[in-house]
C-alpha atoms as a PDB file:
ATOM      1  CA  UNK A   1     103.231  91.317 107.329  1.00  0.00           C
ATOM      2  CA  UNK A   2     103.535  92.911 110.765  1.00  0.00           C
ATOM      3  CA  UNK A   3     104.543  96.509 111.259  1.00  0.00           C
ATOM      4  CA  UNK A   4     107.485  96.445 113.676  1.00  0.00           C
ATOM      5  CA  UNK A   5     108.678  99.677 115.216  1.00  0.00           C
ATOM      6  CA  UNK A   6     111.458 100.121 117.795  1.00  0.00           C
ATOM      7  CA  UNK A   7     111.390 102.924 120.334  1.00  0.00           C
ATOM      8  CA  UNK A   8     113.282 103.847 123.492  1.00  0.00           C
ATOM      9  CA  UNK A   9     111.847 103.024 126.902  1.00  0.00           C
ATOM     10  CA  UNK A  10     112.486 106.538 128.135  1.00  0.00           C
ATOM     11  CA  UNK A  11     113.950 109.814 126.998  1.00  0.00           C
ATOM     12  CA  UNK A  12     117.229 108.922 128.726  1.00  0.00           C
ATOM     13  CA  UNK A  13     117.453 105.424 127.239  1.00  0.00           C
ATOM     14  CA  UNK A  14     120.748 104.248 125.909  1.00  0.00           C
ATOM     15  CA  UNK A  15     121.291 103.071 122.357  1.00  0.00           C
ATOM     16  CA  UNK A  16     120.681  99.431 123.217  1.00  0.00           C
ATOM     17  CA  UNK A  17     117.786 100.025 125.607  1.00  0.00           C
ATOM     18  CA  UNK A  18     114.876  99.635 123.146  1.00  0.00           C
ATOM     19  CA  UNK A  19     111.719  97.557 122.966  1.00  0.00           C
ATOM     20  CA  UNK A  20     109.849  96.161 119.941  1.00  0.00           C
ATOM     21  CA  UNK A  21     106.257  97.218 119.373  1.00  0.00           C
ATOM     22  CA  UNK A  22     103.942  95.412 116.936  1.00  0.00           C
ATOM     23  CA  UNK A  23     101.562  98.232 116.089  1.00  0.00           C
ATOM     24  CA  UNK A  24      99.063  96.146 114.131  1.00  0.00           C
ATOM     25  CA  UNK A  25      98.798  93.551 116.913  1.00  0.00           C
ATOM     26  CA  UNK A  26      98.358  96.321 119.479  1.00  0.00           C
ATOM     27  CA  UNK A  27      95.523  97.774 117.412  1.00  0.00           C
ATOM     28  CA  UNK A  28      93.766  94.415 117.116  1.00  0.00           C
ATOM     29  CA  UNK A  29      94.191  93.675 120.835  1.00  0.00           C
ATOM     30  CA  UNK A  30      92.758  97.058 121.833  1.00  0.00           C
ATOM     31  CA  UNK A  31      89.950  97.113 119.277  1.00  0.00           C
ATOM     32  CA  UNK A  32      86.522  97.449 120.847  1.00  0.00           C
ATOM     33  CA  UNK A  33      83.566  95.531 119.386  1.00  0.00           C
ATOM     34  CA  UNK A  34      80.204  96.619 120.752  1.00  0.00           C
ATOM     35  CA  UNK A  35      77.546  94.154 121.823  1.00  0.00           C
ATOM     36  CA  UNK A  36      75.310  94.981 118.856  1.00  0.00           C
ATOM     37  CA  UNK A  37      78.116  94.463 116.347  1.00  0.00           C
ATOM     38  CA  UNK A  38      79.175  91.234 118.061  1.00  0.00           C
ATOM     39  CA  UNK A  39      75.633  89.834 117.914  1.00  0.00           C
ATOM     40  CA  UNK A  40      75.305  90.902 114.290  1.00  0.00           C
ATOM     41  CA  UNK A  41      78.491  89.032 113.390  1.00  0.00           C
ATOM     42  CA  UNK A  42      77.576  85.963 115.479  1.00  0.00           C
ATOM     43  CA  UNK A  43      74.326  85.560 113.553  1.00  0.00           C
ATOM     44  CA  UNK A  44      76.242  86.108 110.290  1.00  0.00           C
ATOM     45  CA  UNK A  45      74.042  88.933 109.109  1.00  0.00           C
ATOM     46  CA  UNK A  46      75.153  90.864 106.025  1.00  0.00           C
ATOM     47  CA  UNK A  47      77.534  93.673 106.907  1.00  0.00           C
ATOM     48  CA  UNK A  48      77.134  95.591 103.641  1.00  0.00           C
ATOM     49  CA  UNK A  49      74.441  95.959 101.028  1.00  0.00           C
ATOM     50  CA  UNK A  50      74.496  97.856  97.784  1.00  0.00           C
ATOM     51  CA  UNK A  51      71.604  98.785  95.525  1.00  0.00           C
ATOM     52  CA  UNK A  52      71.624 100.815  92.304  1.00  0.00           C
ATOM     53  CA  UNK A  53      70.651 104.429  92.867  1.00  0.00           C
ATOM     54  CA  UNK A  54      67.087 104.869  91.666  1.00  0.00           C
ATOM     55  CA  UNK A  55      67.683 108.458  90.613  1.00  0.00           C
ATOM     56  CA  UNK A  56      70.501 107.495  88.235  1.00  0.00           C
ATOM     57  CA  UNK A  57      69.574 107.128  84.591  1.00  0.00           C
ATOM     58  CA  UNK A  58      70.354 103.644  83.321  1.00  0.00           C
ATOM     59  CA  UNK A  59      71.739 103.244  79.815  1.00  0.00           C
ATOM     60  CA  UNK A  60      73.244 100.294  77.995  1.00  0.00           C
ATOM     61  CA  UNK A  61      74.502  99.081  74.656  1.00  0.00           C
ATOM     62  CA  UNK A  62      72.060  97.250  72.336  1.00  0.00           C
ATOM     63  CA  UNK A  63      70.853  93.963  73.894  1.00  0.00           C
ATOM     64  CA  UNK A  64      73.084  94.453  76.935  1.00  0.00           C
ATOM     65  CA  UNK A  65      70.625  95.879  79.456  1.00  0.00           C
ATOM     66  CA  UNK A  66      71.160  95.253  83.142  1.00  0.00           C
ATOM     67  CA  UNK A  67      68.837  92.774  84.921  1.00  0.00           C
ATOM     68  CA  UNK A  68      68.519  92.656  88.705  1.00  0.00           C
ATOM     69  CA  UNK A  69      67.349  89.509  90.493  1.00  0.00           C
ATOM     70  CA  UNK A  70      67.769  87.829  93.868  1.00  0.00           C
ATOM     71  CA  UNK A  71      70.045  84.899  94.629  1.00  0.00           C
ATOM     72  CA  UNK A  72      67.090  82.546  95.096  1.00  0.00           C
ATOM     73  CA  UNK A  73      65.285  83.564  91.878  1.00  0.00           C
ATOM     74  CA  UNK A  74      65.034  80.986  89.125  1.00  0.00           C
ATOM     75  CA  UNK A  75      67.064  82.034  86.095  1.00  0.00           C
ATOM     76  CA  UNK A  76      64.498  80.671  83.637  1.00  0.00           C
ATOM     77  CA  UNK A  77      61.767  82.694  85.297  1.00  0.00           C
ATOM     78  CA  UNK A  78      63.936  85.792  85.273  1.00  0.00           C
ATOM     79  CA  UNK A  79      64.462  85.422  81.521  1.00  0.00           C
ATOM     80  CA  UNK A  80      60.684  85.368  80.960  1.00  0.00           C
ATOM     81  CA  UNK A  81      59.809  88.353  83.145  1.00  0.00           C
ATOM     82  CA  UNK A  82      57.407  90.701  81.429  1.00  0.00           C
ATOM     83  CA  UNK A  83      59.009  93.985  80.505  1.00  0.00           C
ATOM     84  CA  UNK A  84      62.535  92.727  81.093  1.00  0.00           C
ATOM     85  CA  UNK A  85      63.641  94.295  77.817  1.00  0.00           C
ATOM     86  CA  UNK A  86      62.079  97.670  78.652  1.00  0.00           C
ATOM     87  CA  UNK A  87      64.575 100.025  80.220  1.00  0.00           C
ATOM     88  CA  UNK A  88      64.892 103.754  80.786  1.00  0.00           C
ATOM     89  CA  UNK A  89      66.790 104.089  77.534  1.00  0.00           C
ATOM     90  CA  UNK A  90      64.543 101.942  75.333  1.00  0.00           C
ATOM     91  CA  UNK A  91      61.446 103.660  76.705  1.00  0.00           C
ATOM     92  CA  UNK A  92      63.089 107.052  76.049  1.00  0.00           C
ATOM     93  CA  UNK A  93      63.432 105.986  72.424  1.00  0.00           C
ATOM     94  CA  UNK A  94      59.792 104.889  72.377  1.00  0.00           C
ATOM     95  CA  UNK A  95      58.547 108.117  73.993  1.00  0.00           C
ATOM     96  CA  UNK A  96      60.417 110.154  71.392  1.00  0.00           C
ATOM     97  CA  UNK A  97      58.853 108.060  68.639  1.00  0.00           C
ATOM     98  CA  UNK A  98      55.315 108.585  69.893  1.00  0.00           C
ATOM     99  CA  UNK A  99      55.359 112.137  71.304  1.00  0.00           C
ATOM    100  CA  UNK A 100      56.892 115.086  69.508  1.00  0.00           C
ATOM    101  CA  UNK A 101      56.903 117.154  72.714  1.00  0.00           C
ATOM    102  CA  UNK A 102      59.505 114.809  74.204  1.00  0.00           C
ATOM    103  CA  UNK A 103      62.027 115.308  71.410  1.00  0.00           C
ATOM    104  CA  UNK A 104      63.361 118.619  72.687  1.00  0.00           C
ATOM    105  CA  UNK A 105      65.378 117.029  75.504  1.00  0.00           C
ATOM    106  CA  UNK A 106      68.526 114.953  75.756  1.00  0.00           C
ATOM    107  CA  UNK A 107      68.481 111.771  77.816  1.00  0.00           C
ATOM    108  CA  UNK A 108      70.018 113.420  80.877  1.00  0.00           C
ATOM    109  CA  UNK A 109      67.553 116.361  80.614  1.00  0.00           C
ATOM    110  CA  UNK A 110      64.523 114.071  80.398  1.00  0.00           C
ATOM    111  CA  UNK A 111      63.848 113.834  84.184  1.00  0.00           C
ATOM    112  CA  UNK A 112      63.308 117.600  84.260  1.00  0.00           C
ATOM    113  CA  UNK A 113      59.916 117.139  82.605  1.00  0.00           C
ATOM    114  CA  UNK A 114      59.271 113.391  82.732  1.00  0.00           C
ATOM    115  CA  UNK A 115      59.084 110.837  85.554  1.00  0.00           C
ATOM    116  CA  UNK A 116      60.145 107.191  85.328  1.00  0.00           C
ATOM    117  CA  UNK A 117      57.422 104.831  86.546  1.00  0.00           C
ATOM    118  CA  UNK A 118      59.275 101.789  87.887  1.00  0.00           C
ATOM    119  CA  UNK A 119      56.210  99.519  88.047  1.00  0.00           C
ATOM    120  CA  UNK A 120      54.861 100.283  84.593  1.00  0.00           C
ATOM    121  CA  UNK A 121      58.334 100.822  83.146  1.00  0.00           C
ATOM    122  CA  UNK A 122      57.500 103.896  81.146  1.00  0.00           C
ATOM    123  CA  UNK A 123      58.025 107.657  81.178  1.00  0.00           C
ATOM    124  CA  UNK A 124      55.098 109.858  82.223  1.00  0.00           C
ATOM    125  CA  UNK A 125      54.855 113.610  81.998  1.00  0.00           C
ATOM    126  CA  UNK A 126      55.814 115.330  85.235  1.00  0.00           C
ATOM    127  CA  UNK A 127      52.897 117.178  86.889  1.00  0.00           C
ATOM    128  CA  UNK A 128      54.852 118.981  89.583  1.00  0.00           C
ATOM    129  CA  UNK A 129      58.348 119.343  90.969  1.00  0.00           C
ATOM    130  CA  UNK A 130      61.726 119.379  89.312  1.00  0.00           C
ATOM    131  CA  UNK A 131      64.464 116.768  89.069  1.00  0.00           C
ATOM    132  CA  UNK A 132      68.026 116.721  87.786  1.00  0.00           C
ATOM    133  CA  UNK A 133      68.972 113.718  85.675  1.00  0.00           C
ATOM    134  CA  UNK A 134      72.134 111.821  86.615  1.00  0.00           C
ATOM    135  CA  UNK A 135      73.673 109.100  84.519  1.00  0.00           C
ATOM    136  CA  UNK A 136      75.839 106.207  85.596  1.00  0.00           C
ATOM    137  CA  UNK A 137      79.533 106.912  85.166  1.00  0.00           C
ATOM    138  CA  UNK A 138      81.440 105.234  82.339  1.00  0.00           C
ATOM    139  CA  UNK A 139      85.233 105.119  82.336  1.00  0.00           C
ATOM    140  CA  UNK A 140      86.960 106.276  79.119  1.00  0.00           C
ATOM    141  CA  UNK A 141      88.427 102.780  78.743  1.00  0.00           C
ATOM    142  CA  UNK A 142      84.971 101.128  78.770  1.00  0.00           C
ATOM    143  CA  UNK A 143      84.780 101.448  74.989  1.00  0.00           C
ATOM    144  CA  UNK A 144      81.478 101.970  73.206  1.00  0.00           C
ATOM    145  CA  UNK A 145      79.592 102.435  76.483  1.00  0.00           C
ATOM    146  CA  UNK A 146      81.633 105.564  77.185  1.00  0.00           C
ATOM    147  CA  UNK A 147      80.909 107.024  73.745  1.00  0.00           C
ATOM    148  CA  UNK A 148      77.223 106.116  73.988  1.00  0.00           C
ATOM    149  CA  UNK A 149      77.032 108.069  77.231  1.00  0.00           C
ATOM    150  CA  UNK A 150      78.711 111.018  75.522  1.00  0.00           C
ATOM    151  CA  UNK A 151      76.160 111.024  72.691  1.00  0.00           C
ATOM    152  CA  UNK A 152      73.200 110.725  75.080  1.00  0.00           C
ATOM    153  CA  UNK A 153      74.304 113.993  76.659  1.00  0.00           C
ATOM    154  CA  UNK A 154      74.317 115.797  73.312  1.00  0.00           C
ATOM    155  CA  UNK A 155      71.637 114.398  70.984  1.00  0.00           C
ATOM    156  CA  UNK A 156      67.995 115.326  71.530  1.00  0.00           C
ATOM    157  CA  UNK A 157      64.967 113.266  70.618  1.00  0.00           C
ATOM    158  CA  UNK A 158      66.737 110.097  69.499  1.00  0.00           C
ATOM    159  CA  UNK A 159      64.333 107.336  68.519  1.00  0.00           C
ATOM    160  CA  UNK A 160      66.777 104.394  68.304  1.00  0.00           C
ATOM    161  CA  UNK A 161      70.438 103.468  68.594  1.00  0.00           C
ATOM    162  CA  UNK A 162      70.949 104.083  64.881  1.00  0.00           C
ATOM    163  CA  UNK A 163      69.651 107.621  65.297  1.00  0.00           C
ATOM    164  CA  UNK A 164      72.443 108.317  67.783  1.00  0.00           C
ATOM    165  CA  UNK A 165      75.049 107.327  65.193  1.00  0.00           C
ATOM    166  CA  UNK A 166      73.728 109.653  62.473  1.00  0.00           C
ATOM    167  CA  UNK A 167      75.770 112.833  62.025  1.00  0.00           C
ATOM    168  CA  UNK A 168      75.085 115.256  59.141  1.00  0.00           C
ATOM    169  CA  UNK A 169      72.894 112.688  57.435  1.00  0.00           C
ATOM    170  CA  UNK A 170      75.457 109.875  57.569  1.00  0.00           C
ATOM    171  CA  UNK A 171      75.131 106.844  59.827  1.00  0.00           C
ATOM    172  CA  UNK A 172      78.458 105.785  61.341  1.00  0.00           C
ATOM    173  CA  UNK A 173      79.401 102.235  62.249  1.00  0.00           C
ATOM    174  CA  UNK A 174      80.199 102.904  65.913  1.00  0.00           C
ATOM    175  CA  UNK A 175      79.309 105.400  68.622  1.00  0.00           C
ATOM    176  CA  UNK A 176      82.961 106.423  68.741  1.00  0.00           C
ATOM    177  CA  UNK A 177      82.952 107.311  65.036  1.00  0.00           C
ATOM    178  CA  UNK A 178      79.856 109.421  65.627  1.00  0.00           C
ATOM    179  CA  UNK A 179      81.595 111.244  68.490  1.00  0.00           C
ATOM    180  CA  UNK A 180      84.580 111.954  66.232  1.00  0.00           C
ATOM    181  CA  UNK A 181      82.312 113.279  63.455  1.00  0.00           C
ATOM    182  CA  UNK A 182      80.575 115.574  65.954  1.00  0.00           C
ATOM    183  CA  UNK A 183      83.907 116.932  67.171  1.00  0.00           C
ATOM    184  CA  UNK A 184      83.417 115.577  70.687  1.00  0.00           C
ATOM    185  CA  UNK A 185      86.820 113.887  70.658  1.00  0.00           C
ATOM    186  CA  UNK A 186      90.144 115.562  70.120  1.00  0.00           C
ATOM    187  CA  UNK A 187      92.308 114.484  67.188  1.00  0.00           C
ATOM    188  CA  UNK A 188      95.312 112.207  67.582  1.00  0.00           C
ATOM    189  CA  UNK A 189      97.986 114.626  66.380  1.00  0.00           C
ATOM    190  CA  UNK A 190      99.926 114.439  69.625  1.00  0.00           C
ATOM    191  CA  UNK A 191     100.027 110.627  69.488  1.00  0.00           C
ATOM    192  CA  UNK A 192     101.147 110.664  65.852  1.00  0.00           C
ATOM    193  CA  UNK A 193     103.880 113.123  66.732  1.00  0.00           C
ATOM    194  CA  UNK A 194     104.989 111.083  69.744  1.00  0.00           C
ATOM    195  CA  UNK A 195     105.356 107.912  67.646  1.00  0.00           C
ATOM    196  CA  UNK A 196     107.178 109.797  64.893  1.00  0.00           C
ATOM    197  CA  UNK A 197     109.702 111.243  67.329  1.00  0.00           C
ATOM    198  CA  UNK A 198     110.224 107.942  69.137  1.00  0.00           C
ATOM    199  CA  UNK A 199     110.545 106.090  65.833  1.00  0.00           C
ATOM    200  CA  UNK A 200     113.868 107.824  65.194  1.00  0.00           C
ATOM    201  CA  UNK A 201     115.656 106.212  68.137  1.00  0.00           C
ATOM    202  CA  UNK A 202     113.401 103.595  69.804  1.00  0.00           C
ATOM    203  CA  UNK A 203     113.296  99.915  68.905  1.00  0.00           C
ATOM    204  CA  UNK A 204     110.231  98.201  67.507  1.00  0.00           C
ATOM    205  CA  UNK A 205     109.542  96.526  70.834  1.00  0.00           C
ATOM    206  CA  UNK A 206     109.683  99.848  72.688  1.00  0.00           C
ATOM    207  CA  UNK A 207     107.374 101.423  70.120  1.00  0.00           C
ATOM    208  CA  UNK A 208     104.877  98.577  70.478  1.00  0.00           C
ATOM    209  CA  UNK A 209     104.887  99.038  74.258  1.00  0.00           C
ATOM    210  CA  UNK A 210     104.302 102.735  73.697  1.00  0.00           C
ATOM    211  CA  UNK A 211     101.491 102.065  71.218  1.00  0.00           C
ATOM    212  CA  UNK A 212      99.790  99.683  73.668  1.00  0.00           C
ATOM    213  CA  UNK A 213     100.073 102.258  76.452  1.00  0.00           C
ATOM    214  CA  UNK A 214      98.413 104.837  74.220  1.00  0.00           C
ATOM    215  CA  UNK A 215      95.533 102.465  73.522  1.00  0.00           C
ATOM    216  CA  UNK A 216      95.006 101.726  77.209  1.00  0.00           C
ATOM    217  CA  UNK A 217      95.523 105.104  78.837  1.00  0.00           C
ATOM    218  CA  UNK A 218      95.515 107.948  76.295  1.00  0.00           C
ATOM    219  CA  UNK A 219      91.980 107.837  74.826  1.00  0.00           C
ATOM    220  CA  UNK A 220      93.116 107.514  71.225  1.00  0.00           C
ATOM    221  CA  UNK A 221      90.275 108.706  68.999  1.00  0.00           C
ATOM    222  CA  UNK A 222      91.138 106.597  65.956  1.00  0.00           C
ATOM    223  CA  UNK A 223      93.401 103.598  66.759  1.00  0.00           C
ATOM    224  CA  UNK A 224      93.156 102.224  63.210  1.00  0.00           C
ATOM    225  CA  UNK A 225      94.423 105.453  61.703  1.00  0.00           C
ATOM    226  CA  UNK A 226      97.288 105.518  64.199  1.00  0.00           C
ATOM    227  CA  UNK A 227      98.201 101.938  63.313  1.00  0.00           C
ATOM    228  CA  UNK A 228      98.022 102.503  59.549  1.00  0.00           C
ATOM    229  CA  UNK A 229     100.310 105.520  59.827  1.00  0.00           C
ATOM    230  CA  UNK A 230     103.009 103.873  61.967  1.00  0.00           C
ATOM    231  CA  UNK A 231     102.871 100.121  61.358  1.00  0.00           C
ATOM    232  CA  UNK A 232     106.261 100.172  59.596  1.00  0.00           C
ATOM    233  CA  UNK A 233     108.144 101.513  62.617  1.00  0.00           C
ATOM    234  CA  UNK A 234     106.087  99.318  64.958  1.00  0.00           C
ATOM    235  CA  UNK A 235     107.258  96.249  63.046  1.00  0.00           C
ATOM    236  CA  UNK A 236     110.796  97.256  62.049  1.00  0.00           C
ATOM    237  CA  UNK A 237     112.396  94.516  64.180  1.00  0.00           C
ATOM    238  CA  UNK A 238     109.961  91.725  63.284  1.00  0.00           C
ATOM    239  CA  UNK A 239     112.049  90.420  60.426  1.00  0.00           C
ATOM    240  CA  UNK A 240     115.178  90.314  62.577  1.00  0.00           C
ATOM    241  CA  UNK A 241     113.254  88.469  65.315  1.00  0.00           C
ATOM    242  CA  UNK A 242     112.042  85.895  62.803  1.00  0.00           C
ATOM    243  CA  UNK A 243     115.545  85.347  61.414  1.00  0.00           C
ATOM    244  CA  UNK A 244     116.880  84.802  64.926  1.00  0.00           C
ATOM    245  CA  UNK A 245     114.076  82.400  65.865  1.00  0.00           C
ATOM    246  CA  UNK A 246     114.521  80.304  62.717  1.00  0.00           C
ATOM    247  CA  UNK A 247     118.323  80.636  62.595  1.00  0.00           C
ATOM    248  CA  UNK A 248     118.104  81.706  58.961  1.00  0.00           C
ATOM    249  CA  UNK A 249     119.589  85.153  58.092  1.00  0.00           C
ATOM    250  CA  UNK A 250     118.137  85.067  54.581  1.00  0.00           C
ATOM    251  CA  UNK A 251     114.445  85.137  55.560  1.00  0.00           C
ATOM    252  CA  UNK A 252     112.365  88.037  54.232  1.00  0.00           C
ATOM    253  CA  UNK A 253     108.754  88.627  55.246  1.00  0.00           C
ATOM    254  CA  UNK A 254     105.987  90.195  53.144  1.00  0.00           C
ATOM    255  CA  UNK A 255     104.074  93.210  54.389  1.00  0.00           C
ATOM    256  CA  UNK A 256     101.076  91.180  55.589  1.00  0.00           C
ATOM    257  CA  UNK A 257     103.303  88.889  57.650  1.00  0.00           C
ATOM    258  CA  UNK A 258     105.045  91.853  59.281  1.00  0.00           C
ATOM    259  CA  UNK A 259     101.732  93.436  60.235  1.00  0.00           C
ATOM    260  CA  UNK A 260     100.366  90.136  61.499  1.00  0.00           C
ATOM    261  CA  UNK A 261     103.308  89.488  63.823  1.00  0.00           C
ATOM    262  CA  UNK A 262     103.397  93.104  65.045  1.00  0.00           C
ATOM    263  CA  UNK A 263      99.702  92.967  65.962  1.00  0.00           C
ATOM    264  CA  UNK A 264     100.314  89.701  67.797  1.00  0.00           C
ATOM    265  CA  UNK A 265     103.129  91.304  69.815  1.00  0.00           C
ATOM    266  CA  UNK A 266     100.920  94.319  70.641  1.00  0.00           C
ATOM    267  CA  UNK A 267      98.138  91.971  71.754  1.00  0.00           C
ATOM    268  CA  UNK A 268     100.678  90.194  73.985  1.00  0.00           C
ATOM    269  CA  UNK A 269     101.517  93.509  75.683  1.00  0.00           C
ATOM    270  CA  UNK A 270      97.821  94.296  76.155  1.00  0.00           C
ATOM    271  CA  UNK A 271      97.142  90.869  77.689  1.00  0.00           C
ATOM    272  CA  UNK A 272      99.785  91.470  80.360  1.00  0.00           C
ATOM    273  CA  UNK A 273      97.869  94.602  81.339  1.00  0.00           C
ATOM    274  CA  UNK A 274      94.379  93.122  81.402  1.00  0.00           C
ATOM    275  CA  UNK A 275      93.288  94.065  77.876  1.00  0.00           C
ATOM    276  CA  UNK A 276      93.022  92.437  74.462  1.00  0.00           C
ATOM    277  CA  UNK A 277      93.271  93.656  70.900  1.00  0.00           C
ATOM    278  CA  UNK A 278      89.568  92.829  70.596  1.00  0.00           C
ATOM    279  CA  UNK A 279      88.882  95.686  73.021  1.00  0.00           C
ATOM    280  CA  UNK A 280      89.660  98.043  70.132  1.00  0.00           C
ATOM    281  CA  UNK A 281      87.326  96.874  67.329  1.00  0.00           C
ATOM    282  CA  UNK A 282      88.696  99.194  64.642  1.00  0.00           C
ATOM    283  CA  UNK A 283      92.152  97.601  64.742  1.00  0.00           C
ATOM    284  CA  UNK A 284      92.757  94.725  62.302  1.00  0.00           C
ATOM    285  CA  UNK A 285      92.816  91.137  63.542  1.00  0.00           C
ATOM    286  CA  UNK A 286      95.895  88.905  63.374  1.00  0.00           C
ATOM    287  CA  UNK A 287      96.333  85.248  62.440  1.00  0.00           C
ATOM    288  CA  UNK A 288      99.828  84.707  63.828  1.00  0.00           C
ATOM    289  CA  UNK A 289      99.844  81.814  66.324  1.00  0.00           C
ATOM    290  CA  UNK A 290     103.365  80.444  66.869  1.00  0.00           C
ATOM    291  CA  UNK A 291     103.629  76.888  68.124  1.00  0.00           C
ATOM    292  CA  UNK A 292     105.866  77.932  71.015  1.00  0.00           C
ATOM    293  CA  UNK A 293     102.988  79.892  72.533  1.00  0.00           C
ATOM    294  CA  UNK A 294     100.459  77.087  72.426  1.00  0.00           C
ATOM    295  CA  UNK A 295      99.467  75.937  75.892  1.00  0.00           C
ATOM    296  CA  UNK A 296      99.698  77.891  79.124  1.00  0.00           C
ATOM    297  CA  UNK A 297     100.704  81.480  78.428  1.00  0.00           C
ATOM    298  CA  UNK A 298     101.888  82.114  82.000  1.00  0.00           C
ATOM    299  CA  UNK A 299     104.201  79.083  81.896  1.00  0.00           C
ATOM    300  CA  UNK A 300     105.638  80.208  78.573  1.00  0.00           C
ATOM    301  CA  UNK A 301     106.319  83.691  79.953  1.00  0.00           C
ATOM    302  CA  UNK A 302     108.160  82.247  82.954  1.00  0.00           C
ATOM    303  CA  UNK A 303     110.271  80.027  80.699  1.00  0.00           C
ATOM    304  CA  UNK A 304     111.102  82.834  78.272  1.00  0.00           C
ATOM    305  CA  UNK A 305     114.306  83.951  80.010  1.00  0.00           C
ATOM    306  CA  UNK A 306     117.717  84.764  78.531  1.00  0.00           C
ATOM    307  CA  UNK A 307     120.038  81.945  79.631  1.00  0.00           C
ATOM    308  CA  UNK A 308     123.210  83.693  78.447  1.00  0.00           C
ATOM    309  CA  UNK A 309     122.380  86.916  80.287  1.00  0.00           C
ATOM    310  CA  UNK A 310     121.461  85.057  83.494  1.00  0.00           C
ATOM    311  CA  UNK A 311     124.692  83.028  83.372  1.00  0.00           C
ATOM    312  CA  UNK A 312     126.763  86.195  82.997  1.00  0.00           C
ATOM    313  CA  UNK A 313     124.952  87.897  85.885  1.00  0.00           C
ATOM    314  CA  UNK A 314     125.394  84.817  88.109  1.00  0.00           C
ATOM    315  CA  UNK A 315     129.131  84.651  87.415  1.00  0.00           C
ATOM    316  CA  UNK A 316     129.577  88.351  88.130  1.00  0.00           C
ATOM    317  CA  UNK A 317     127.594  88.057  91.346  1.00  0.00           C
ATOM    318  CA  UNK A 318     129.597  85.039  92.490  1.00  0.00           C
ATOM    319  CA  UNK A 319     132.847  86.989  92.164  1.00  0.00           C
ATOM    320  CA  UNK A 320     131.501  89.627  94.547  1.00  0.00           C
ATOM    321  CA  UNK A 321     130.540  87.195  97.324  1.00  0.00           C
ATOM    322  CA  UNK A 322     132.442  87.381 100.635  1.00  0.00           C
ATOM    323  CA  UNK A 323     133.814  84.434 102.589  1.00  0.00           C
ATOM    324  CA  UNK A 324     130.572  83.932 104.510  1.00  0.00           C
END
């Protein structure tokens, strides 16, 4: 798309005395490329390179450590590299297991007294100097990785992943549950209240859209608890939808069927926004797979239009057309 702007030739120009200026084309025509840049592009050298920051502390979920290799490296050889499973985080666990003096620091505090040896892949006691530990950023929507990062900033001397999930003597199933038990996450009272208020006037479809938005953007601490408390309002139109689809006004659905269809509809909303229900492990799974949705989902969405509504709109628009 070209940016087209009209301007007068002079201050005294009349209304019709204007010229068209393509600003983007003017910029490209006047752009200066130096000899060094031209040669660099002619020889097709890389214009940008990006390497992980050495000073940043690397952390990862169990068996999901990051591996760096070149384009021309053999994958089989990469998989057999010695020490490939030893990372900053796993060696932090090992150092805490072996040395009691190391257990007084959190993971982000560790570089203050210890130095990471990249060749040997181990932590050694710092002899001089001082360093500030920085950890890679994790977005709140990145799931367990975000909550792992949160725990690594709070728990000292952890010796394994399971140790990070232990709070007050109880081991929790997920890092998120551990964060909740430690009080690192706020409760979901505001989300419960929002769904309760909306449940008075909103339809089930609107509530499911709202619930999906909360999951994606509102950092819900306990999605399963939110679902269990409001599944009835989230599925209050499911039975009516089923009766309409099957053309049978006498159909009644059991509780399990209502939940199953409602979860399917919520998953459908999440898919349109780049997520899945599986991204929230605490929520129950669904088994509802209607035959109409088998095949290409995008094609089905394009075909799922309201013929009656479109016909009415077309007729109304036709009446408003002029002679031309």
